[in-house]
PDB file of all heavy atoms in Angstrom:
ATOM      1  N   LYS A   1     178.502  31.005 114.755  1.00  0.00           N
ATOM      2  CA  LYS A   1     177.631  32.095 114.411  1.00  0.00           C
ATOM      3  C   LYS A   1     178.154  33.348 115.137  1.00  0.00           C
ATOM      4  O   LYS A   1     177.982  33.461 116.358  1.00  0.00           O
ATOM      5  CB  LYS A   1     176.204  31.800 114.810  1.00  0.00           C
ATOM      6  CG  LYS A   1     175.587  30.625 114.119  1.00  0.00           C
ATOM      7  CD  LYS A   1     175.337  30.872 112.618  1.00  0.00           C
ATOM      8  CE  LYS A   1     174.436  29.751 112.046  1.00  0.00           C
ATOM      9  NZ  LYS A   1     174.420  29.927 110.555  1.00  0.00           N
ATOM     10  N   LYS A   2     178.783  34.250 114.382  1.00  0.00           N
ATOM     11  CA  LYS A   2     179.348  35.433 115.006  1.00  0.00           C
ATOM     12  C   LYS A   2     179.281  36.618 114.053  1.00  0.00           C
ATOM     13  O   LYS A   2     179.517  36.467 112.871  1.00  0.00           O
ATOM     14  CB  LYS A   2     180.787  35.193 115.448  1.00  0.00           C
ATOM     15  CG  LYS A   2     181.376  36.260 116.380  1.00  0.00           C
ATOM     16  CD  LYS A   2     182.740  35.832 116.871  1.00  0.00           C
ATOM     17  CE  LYS A   2     183.349  36.853 117.765  1.00  0.00           C
ATOM     18  NZ  LYS A   2     182.527  37.129 118.972  1.00  0.00           N
ATOM     19  N   GLY A   3     178.897  37.730 114.627  1.00  0.00           N
ATOM     20  CA  GLY A   3     178.815  38.966 113.754  1.00  0.00           C
ATOM     21  C   GLY A   3     177.364  39.400 113.532  1.00  0.00           C
ATOM     22  O   GLY A   3     176.390  38.758 114.082  1.00  0.00           O
ATOM     23  N   GLU A   4     177.243  40.421 112.770  1.00  0.00           N
ATOM     24  CA  GLU A   4     175.920  40.999 112.497  1.00  0.00           C
ATOM     25  C   GLU A   4     175.112  40.091 111.590  1.00  0.00           C
ATOM     26  O   GLU A   4     175.557  39.557 110.600  1.00  0.00           O
ATOM     27  CB  GLU A   4     176.108  42.366 111.840  1.00  0.00           C
ATOM     28  CG  GLU A   4     174.779  43.075 111.534  1.00  0.00           C
ATOM     29  CD  GLU A   4     174.991  44.383 110.792  1.00  0.00           C
ATOM     30  OE1 GLU A   4     176.178  44.712 110.506  1.00  0.00           O
ATOM     31  OE2 GLU A   4     173.967  45.029 110.493  1.00  0.00           O
ATOM     32  N   THR A   5     173.822  39.976 112.006  1.00  0.00           N
ATOM     33  CA  THR A   5     172.908  39.235 111.174  1.00  0.00           C
ATOM     34  C   THR A   5     172.353  40.109 110.065  1.00  0.00           C
ATOM     35  O   THR A   5     171.913  41.223 110.367  1.00  0.00           O
ATOM     36  CB  THR A   5     171.733  38.649 112.005  1.00  0.00           C
ATOM     37  OG1 THR A   5     172.280  37.739 112.975  1.00  0.00           O
ATOM     38  CG2 THR A   5     170.729  37.928 111.166  1.00  0.00           C
ATOM     39  N   THR A   6     172.366  39.682 108.828  1.00  0.00           N
ATOM     40  CA  THR A   6     171.898  40.455 107.737  1.00  0.00           C
ATOM     41  C   THR A   6     170.841  39.640 106.911  1.00  0.00           C
ATOM     42  O   THR A   6     170.803  38.405 107.025  1.00  0.00           O
ATOM     43  CB  THR A   6     172.979  40.964 106.780  1.00  0.00           C
ATOM     44  OG1 THR A   6     173.671  39.772 106.270  1.00  0.00           O
ATOM     45  CG2 THR A   6     173.942  41.805 107.529  1.00  0.00           C
ATOM     46  N   LEU A   7     170.062  40.316 106.163  1.00  0.00           N
ATOM     47  CA  LEU A   7     169.021  39.700 105.334  1.00  0.00           C
ATOM     48  C   LEU A   7     169.462  39.767 103.855  1.00  0.00           C
ATOM     49  O   LEU A   7     169.740  40.916 103.400  1.00  0.00           O
ATOM     50  CB  LEU A   7     167.701  40.334 105.542  1.00  0.00           C
ATOM     51  CG  LEU A   7     166.495  39.880 104.610  1.00  0.00           C
ATOM     52  CD1 LEU A   7     166.153  38.407 104.956  1.00  0.00           C
ATOM     53  CD2 LEU A   7     165.308  40.763 104.795  1.00  0.00           C
ATOM     54  N   VAL A   8     169.501  38.632 103.158  1.00  0.00           N
ATOM     55  CA  VAL A   8     169.773  38.659 101.729  1.00  0.00           C
ATOM     56  C   VAL A   8     168.423  38.961 101.059  1.00  0.00           C
ATOM     57  O   VAL A   8     167.628  38.101 100.816  1.00  0.00           O
ATOM     58  CB  VAL A   8     170.334  37.253 101.295  1.00  0.00           C
ATOM     59  CG1 VAL A   8     170.622  37.326  99.792  1.00  0.00           C
ATOM     60  CG2 VAL A   8     171.564  36.915 102.121  1.00  0.00           C
ATOM     61  N   ALA A   9     168.242  40.229 100.747  1.00  0.00           N
ATOM     62  CA  ALA A   9     166.954  40.737 100.331  1.00  0.00           C
ATOM     63  C   ALA A   9     166.494  40.186  98.988  1.00  0.00           C
ATOM     64  O   ALA A   9     165.290  40.055  98.742  1.00  0.00           O
ATOM     65  CB  ALA A   9     166.987  42.247 100.306  1.00  0.00           C
ATOM     66  N   ARG A  10     167.437  39.857  98.106  1.00  0.00           N
ATOM     67  CA  ARG A  10     167.042  39.405  96.778  1.00  0.00           C
ATOM     68  C   ARG A  10     166.423  38.037  96.699  1.00  0.00           C
ATOM     69  O   ARG A  10     165.879  37.591  95.733  1.00  0.00           O
ATOM     70  CB  ARG A  10     168.201  39.480  95.791  1.00  0.00           C
ATOM     71  CG  ARG A  10     169.294  38.450  96.044  1.00  0.00           C
ATOM     72  CD  ARG A  10     170.401  38.534  95.015  1.00  0.00           C
ATOM     73  NE  ARG A  10     171.412  37.522  95.191  1.00  0.00           N
ATOM     74  CZ  ARG A  10     172.463  37.656  96.010  1.00  0.00           C
ATOM     75  NH1 ARG A  10     172.636  38.760  96.736  1.00  0.00           N
ATOM     76  NH2 ARG A  10     173.323  36.678  96.102  1.00  0.00           N
ATOM     77  N   VAL A  11     166.546  37.321  97.842  1.00  0.00           N
ATOM     78  CA  VAL A  11     166.008  35.928  97.933  1.00  0.00           C
ATOM     79  C   VAL A  11     164.527  36.032  98.380  1.00  0.00           C
ATOM     80  O   VAL A  11     164.201  36.879  99.117  1.00  0.00           O
ATOM     81  CB  VAL A  11     166.837  35.104  98.954  1.00  0.00           C
ATOM     82  CG1 VAL A  11     166.317  33.666  98.996  1.00  0.00           C
ATOM     83  CG2 VAL A  11     168.277  35.104  98.468  1.00  0.00           C
ATOM     84  N   GLY A  12     163.737  35.110  97.820  1.00  0.00           N
ATOM     85  CA  GLY A  12     162.323  35.192  98.074  1.00  0.00           C
ATOM     86  C   GLY A  12     161.797  34.628  99.337  1.00  0.00           C
ATOM     87  O   GLY A  12     160.628  34.296  99.475  1.00  0.00           O
ATOM     88  N   TRP A  13     162.720  34.403 100.335  1.00  0.00           N
ATOM     89  CA  TRP A  13     162.330  33.953 101.635  1.00  0.00           C
ATOM     90  C   TRP A  13     163.196  34.621 102.659  1.00  0.00           C
ATOM     91  O   TRP A  13     164.096  35.391 102.299  1.00  0.00           O
ATOM     92  CB  TRP A  13     162.421  32.443 101.731  1.00  0.00           C
ATOM     93  CG  TRP A  13     163.770  31.862 101.429  1.00  0.00           C
ATOM     94  CD1 TRP A  13     164.220  31.540 100.151  1.00  0.00           C
ATOM     95  CD2 TRP A  13     164.874  31.539 102.286  1.00  0.00           C
ATOM     96  NE1 TRP A  13     165.487  31.063 100.207  1.00  0.00           N
ATOM     97  CE2 TRP A  13     165.931  31.065 101.476  1.00  0.00           C
ATOM     98  CE3 TRP A  13     165.010  31.658 103.686  1.00  0.00           C
ATOM     99  CZ2 TRP A  13     167.136  30.675 102.059  1.00  0.00           C
ATOM    100  CZ3 TRP A  13     166.225  31.237 104.237  1.00  0.00           C
ATOM    101  CH2 TRP A  13     167.258  30.792 103.420  1.00  0.00           C
ATOM    102  N   GLU A  14     162.938  34.468 103.926  1.00  0.00           N
ATOM    103  CA  GLU A  14     163.708  35.183 104.965  1.00  0.00           C
ATOM    104  C   GLU A  14     165.099  34.594 105.132  1.00  0.00           C
ATOM    105  O   GLU A  14     165.380  33.791 106.051  1.00  0.00           O
ATOM    106  CB  GLU A  14     162.939  35.065 106.323  1.00  0.00           C
ATOM    107  CG  GLU A  14     161.639  35.910 106.247  1.00  0.00           C
ATOM    108  CD  GLU A  14     160.941  35.868 107.597  1.00  0.00           C
ATOM    109  OE1 GLU A  14     160.818  34.791 108.181  1.00  0.00           O
ATOM    110  OE2 GLU A  14     160.502  36.926 108.078  1.00  0.00           O
ATOM    111  N   CYS A  15     165.956  35.014 104.281  1.00  0.00           N
ATOM    112  CA  CYS A  15     167.323  34.459 104.244  1.00  0.00           C
ATOM    113  C   CYS A  15     168.268  35.299 105.102  1.00  0.00           C
ATOM    114  O   CYS A  15     169.051  36.102 104.642  1.00  0.00           O
ATOM    115  CB  CYS A  15     167.886  34.406 102.754  1.00  0.00           C
ATOM    116  SG  CYS A  15     169.492  33.603 102.605  1.00  0.00           S
ATOM    117  N   TYR A  16     168.131  35.082 106.422  1.00  0.00           N
ATOM    118  CA  TYR A  16     169.007  35.759 107.401  1.00  0.00           C
ATOM    119  C   TYR A  16     170.282  34.969 107.542  1.00  0.00           C
ATOM    120  O   TYR A  16     170.328  33.751 107.541  1.00  0.00           O
ATOM    121  CB  TYR A  16     168.338  35.876 108.742  1.00  0.00           C
ATOM    122  CG  TYR A  16     167.180  36.880 108.768  1.00  0.00           C
ATOM    123  CD1 TYR A  16     165.867  36.438 108.590  1.00  0.00           C
ATOM    124  CD2 TYR A  16     167.446  38.222 108.919  1.00  0.00           C
ATOM    125  CE1 TYR A  16     164.804  37.361 108.610  1.00  0.00           C
ATOM    126  CE2 TYR A  16     166.412  39.140 108.915  1.00  0.00           C
ATOM    127  CZ  TYR A  16     165.093  38.692 108.747  1.00  0.00           C
ATOM    128  OH  TYR A  16     164.065  39.625 108.797  1.00  0.00           O
ATOM    129  N   ARG A  17     171.447  35.657 107.686  1.00  0.00           N
ATOM    130  CA  ARG A  17     172.733  34.975 107.760  1.00  0.00           C
ATOM    131  C   ARG A  17     173.721  35.875 108.473  1.00  0.00           C
ATOM    132  O   ARG A  17     173.564  37.076 108.606  1.00  0.00           O
ATOM    133  CB  ARG A  17     173.229  34.576 106.417  1.00  0.00           C
ATOM    134  CG  ARG A  17     173.580  35.751 105.456  1.00  0.00           C
ATOM    135  CD  ARG A  17     174.090  35.275 104.122  1.00  0.00           C
ATOM    136  NE  ARG A  17     175.175  34.350 104.260  1.00  0.00           N
ATOM    137  CZ  ARG A  17     176.453  34.725 104.466  1.00  0.00           C
ATOM    138  NH1 ARG A  17     176.781  36.005 104.574  1.00  0.00           N
ATOM    139  NH2 ARG A  17     177.424  33.819 104.604  1.00  0.00           N
ATOM    140  N   VAL A  18     174.801  35.233 108.942  1.00  0.00           N
ATOM    141  CA  VAL A  18     175.976  35.911 109.378  1.00  0.00           C
ATOM    142  C   VAL A  18     177.163  35.435 108.575  1.00  0.00           C
ATOM    143  O   VAL A  18     177.042  34.393 107.891  1.00  0.00           O
ATOM    144  CB  VAL A  18     176.268  35.612 110.913  1.00  0.00           C
ATOM    145  CG1 VAL A  18     175.189  36.187 111.755  1.00  0.00           C
ATOM    146  CG2 VAL A  18     176.382  34.115 111.144  1.00  0.00           C
ATOM    147  N   PRO A  19     178.267  36.123 108.574  1.00  0.00           N
ATOM    148  CA  PRO A  19     179.452  35.607 107.866  1.00  0.00           C
ATOM    149  C   PRO A  19     179.794  34.183 108.374  1.00  0.00           C
ATOM    150  O   PRO A  19     179.745  33.934 109.550  1.00  0.00           O
ATOM    151  CB  PRO A  19     180.572  36.606 108.222  1.00  0.00           C
ATOM    152  CG  PRO A  19     179.867  37.858 108.553  1.00  0.00           C
ATOM    153  CD  PRO A  19     178.582  37.449 109.181  1.00  0.00           C
ATOM    154  N   ALA A  20     180.101  33.316 107.426  1.00  0.00           N
ATOM    155  CA  ALA A  20     180.453  31.968 107.789  1.00  0.00           C
ATOM    156  C   ALA A  20     181.734  31.952 108.576  1.00  0.00           C
ATOM    157  O   ALA A  20     182.828  32.343 108.118  1.00  0.00           O
ATOM    158  CB  ALA A  20     180.665  31.081 106.573  1.00  0.00           C
ATOM    159  N   GLY A  21     181.689  31.488 109.850  1.00  0.00           N
ATOM    160  CA  GLY A  21     182.868  31.557 110.757  1.00  0.00           C
ATOM    161  C   GLY A  21     183.629  30.280 110.854  1.00  0.00           C
ATOM    162  O   GLY A  21     184.537  30.193 111.708  1.00  0.00           O
ATOM    163  N   GLY A  22     183.228  29.242 110.098  1.00  0.00           N
ATOM    164  CA  GLY A  22     183.914  27.967 110.180  1.00  0.00           C
ATOM    165  C   GLY A  22     183.208  27.033 111.160  1.00  0.00           C
ATOM    166  O   GLY A  22     182.049  27.235 111.581  1.00  0.00           O
ATOM    167  N   VAL A  23     183.988  25.989 111.601  1.00  0.00           N
ATOM    168  CA  VAL A  23     183.386  24.997 112.472  1.00  0.00           C
ATOM    169  C   VAL A  23     184.197  24.928 113.816  1.00  0.00           C
ATOM    170  O   VAL A  23     185.434  24.796 113.770  1.00  0.00           O
ATOM    171  CB  VAL A  23     183.464  23.593 111.778  1.00  0.00           C
ATOM    172  CG1 VAL A  23     182.939  22.527 112.730  1.00  0.00           C
ATOM    173  CG2 VAL A  23     182.660  23.598 110.526  1.00  0.00           C
ATOM    174  N   ALA A  24     183.497  25.037 114.906  1.00  0.00           N
ATOM    175  CA  ALA A  24     184.092  24.984 116.229  1.00  0.00           C
ATOM    176  C   ALA A  24     184.111  23.563 116.707  1.00  0.00           C
ATOM    177  O   ALA A  24     183.292  22.782 116.333  1.00  0.00           O
ATOM    178  CB  ALA A  24     183.367  25.869 117.209  1.00  0.00           C
ATOM    179  N   CYS A  25     185.106  23.234 117.605  1.00  0.00           N
ATOM    180  CA  CYS A  25     185.203  21.911 118.257  1.00  0.00           C
ATOM    181  C   CYS A  25     185.328  22.062 119.742  1.00  0.00           C
ATOM    182  O   CYS A  25     186.182  22.850 120.235  1.00  0.00           O
ATOM    183  CB  CYS A  25     186.339  21.103 117.629  1.00  0.00           C
ATOM    184  SG  CYS A  25     186.575  19.509 118.358  1.00  0.00           S
ATOM    185  N   TYR A  26     184.513  21.304 120.476  1.00  0.00           N
ATOM    186  CA  TYR A  26     184.576  21.230 121.939  1.00  0.00           C
ATOM    187  C   TYR A  26     184.662  19.760 122.336  1.00  0.00           C
ATOM    188  O   TYR A  26     184.288  18.885 121.542  1.00  0.00           O
ATOM    189  CB  TYR A  26     183.341  21.844 122.568  1.00  0.00           C
ATOM    190  CG  TYR A  26     183.105  23.319 122.277  1.00  0.00           C
ATOM    191  CD1 TYR A  26     182.589  23.712 121.082  1.00  0.00           C
ATOM    192  CD2 TYR A  26     183.415  24.280 123.282  1.00  0.00           C
ATOM    193  CE1 TYR A  26     182.383  25.062 120.805  1.00  0.00           C
ATOM    194  CE2 TYR A  26     183.204  25.642 122.952  1.00  0.00           C
ATOM    195  CZ  TYR A  26     182.661  26.026 121.779  1.00  0.00           C
ATOM    196  OH  TYR A  26     182.507  27.344 121.543  1.00  0.00           O
ATOM    197  N   ARG A  27     185.155  19.513 123.523  1.00  0.00           N
ATOM    198  CA  ARG A  27     185.179  18.153 123.993  1.00  0.00           C
ATOM    199  C   ARG A  27     184.771  18.051 125.424  1.00  0.00           C
ATOM    200  O   ARG A  27     184.900  19.005 126.216  1.00  0.00           O
ATOM    201  CB  ARG A  27     186.566  17.482 123.813  1.00  0.00           C
ATOM    202  CG  ARG A  27     187.658  17.923 124.699  1.00  0.00           C
ATOM    203  CD  ARG A  27     188.936  17.128 124.497  1.00  0.00           C
ATOM    204  NE  ARG A  27     189.977  17.580 125.423  1.00  0.00           N
ATOM    205  CZ  ARG A  27     191.248  17.140 125.367  1.00  0.00           C
ATOM    206  NH1 ARG A  27     191.581  16.198 124.438  1.00  0.00           N
ATOM    207  NH2 ARG A  27     192.126  17.556 126.278  1.00  0.00           N
ATOM    208  N   SER A  28     184.238  16.850 125.774  1.00  0.00           N
ATOM    209  CA  SER A  28     183.756  16.643 127.175  1.00  0.00           C
ATOM    210  C   SER A  28     183.769  15.130 127.481  1.00  0.00           C
ATOM    211  O   SER A  28     183.651  14.313 126.575  1.00  0.00           O
ATOM    212  CB  SER A  28     182.297  17.151 127.249  1.00  0.00           C
ATOM    213  OG  SER A  28     181.700  16.805 128.514  1.00  0.00           O
ATOM    214  N   LYS A  29     183.998  14.807 128.742  1.00  0.00           N
ATOM    215  CA  LYS A  29     183.888  13.421 129.178  1.00  0.00           C
ATOM    216  C   LYS A  29     182.489  13.058 129.635  1.00  0.00           C
ATOM    217  O   LYS A  29     182.115  11.899 129.717  1.00  0.00           O
ATOM    218  CB  LYS A  29     184.955  13.137 130.273  1.00  0.00           C
ATOM    219  CG  LYS A  29     186.375  13.046 129.768  1.00  0.00           C
ATOM    220  CD  LYS A  29     187.308  12.530 130.860  1.00  0.00           C
ATOM    221  CE  LYS A  29     188.698  12.296 130.274  1.00  0.00           C
ATOM    222  NZ  LYS A  29     189.643  11.783 131.283  1.00  0.00           N
ATOM    223  N   ASP A  30     181.718  14.076 130.050  1.00  0.00           N
ATOM    224  CA  ASP A  30     180.435  13.783 130.735  1.00  0.00           C
ATOM    225  C   ASP A  30     179.233  14.485 130.077  1.00  0.00           C
ATOM    226  O   ASP A  30     178.127  14.390 130.608  1.00  0.00           O
ATOM    227  CB  ASP A  30     180.499  14.215 132.170  1.00  0.00           C
ATOM    228  CG  ASP A  30     180.872  15.684 132.375  1.00  0.00           C
ATOM    229  OD1 ASP A  30     180.912  16.433 131.314  1.00  0.00           O
ATOM    230  OD2 ASP A  30     181.072  16.152 133.471  1.00  0.00           O
ATOM    231  N   LEU A  31     179.491  15.076 128.880  1.00  0.00           N
ATOM    232  CA  LEU A  31     178.404  15.821 128.153  1.00  0.00           C
ATOM    233  C   LEU A  31     177.904  17.048 128.938  1.00  0.00           C
ATOM    234  O   LEU A  31     176.915  17.700 128.593  1.00  0.00           O
ATOM    235  CB  LEU A  31     177.220  14.938 127.831  1.00  0.00           C
ATOM    236  CG  LEU A  31     177.496  13.758 126.863  1.00  0.00           C
ATOM    237  CD1 LEU A  31     176.281  12.828 126.759  1.00  0.00           C
ATOM    238  CD2 LEU A  31     177.814  14.262 125.486  1.00  0.00           C
ATOM    239  N   LYS A  32     178.636  17.377 130.013  1.00  0.00           N
ATOM    240  CA  LYS A  32     178.215  18.521 130.836  1.00  0.00           C
ATOM    241  C   LYS A  32     179.259  19.634 130.797  1.00  0.00           C
ATOM    242  O   LYS A  32     178.906  20.786 130.627  1.00  0.00           O
ATOM    243  CB  LYS A  32     178.017  18.008 132.229  1.00  0.00           C
ATOM    244  CG  LYS A  32     177.635  19.139 133.246  1.00  0.00           C
ATOM    245  CD  LYS A  32     177.446  18.584 134.653  1.00  0.00           C
ATOM    246  CE  LYS A  32     177.151  19.720 135.653  1.00  0.00           C
ATOM    247  NZ  LYS A  32     176.986  19.189 137.041  1.00  0.00           N
ATOM    248  N   ASN A  33     180.509  19.231 130.978  1.00  0.00           N
ATOM    249  CA  ASN A  33     181.591  20.265 131.033  1.00  0.00           C
ATOM    250  C   ASN A  33     182.348  20.150 129.680  1.00  0.00           C
ATOM    251  O   ASN A  33     182.982  19.164 129.349  1.00  0.00           O
ATOM    252  CB  ASN A  33     182.582  19.887 132.183  1.00  0.00           C
ATOM    253  CG  ASN A  33     181.867  19.913 133.509  1.00  0.00           C
ATOM    254  OD1 ASN A  33     181.470  20.943 134.004  1.00  0.00           O
ATOM    255  ND2 ASN A  33     181.624  18.735 134.075  1.00  0.00           N
TER     256      ASN A  33
END
C-alpha cells in the first residue's frame, strides 16, 4: 500500500484505494525480526 489514497466516487460504497503496488515478501526465523 503506497501512494495517495483516492475514492472511486462512481461506486455506491466507500471504495478507497491506492495504486496496486504488487506483493511484498519478508522473512524471519523468529516472527519478530
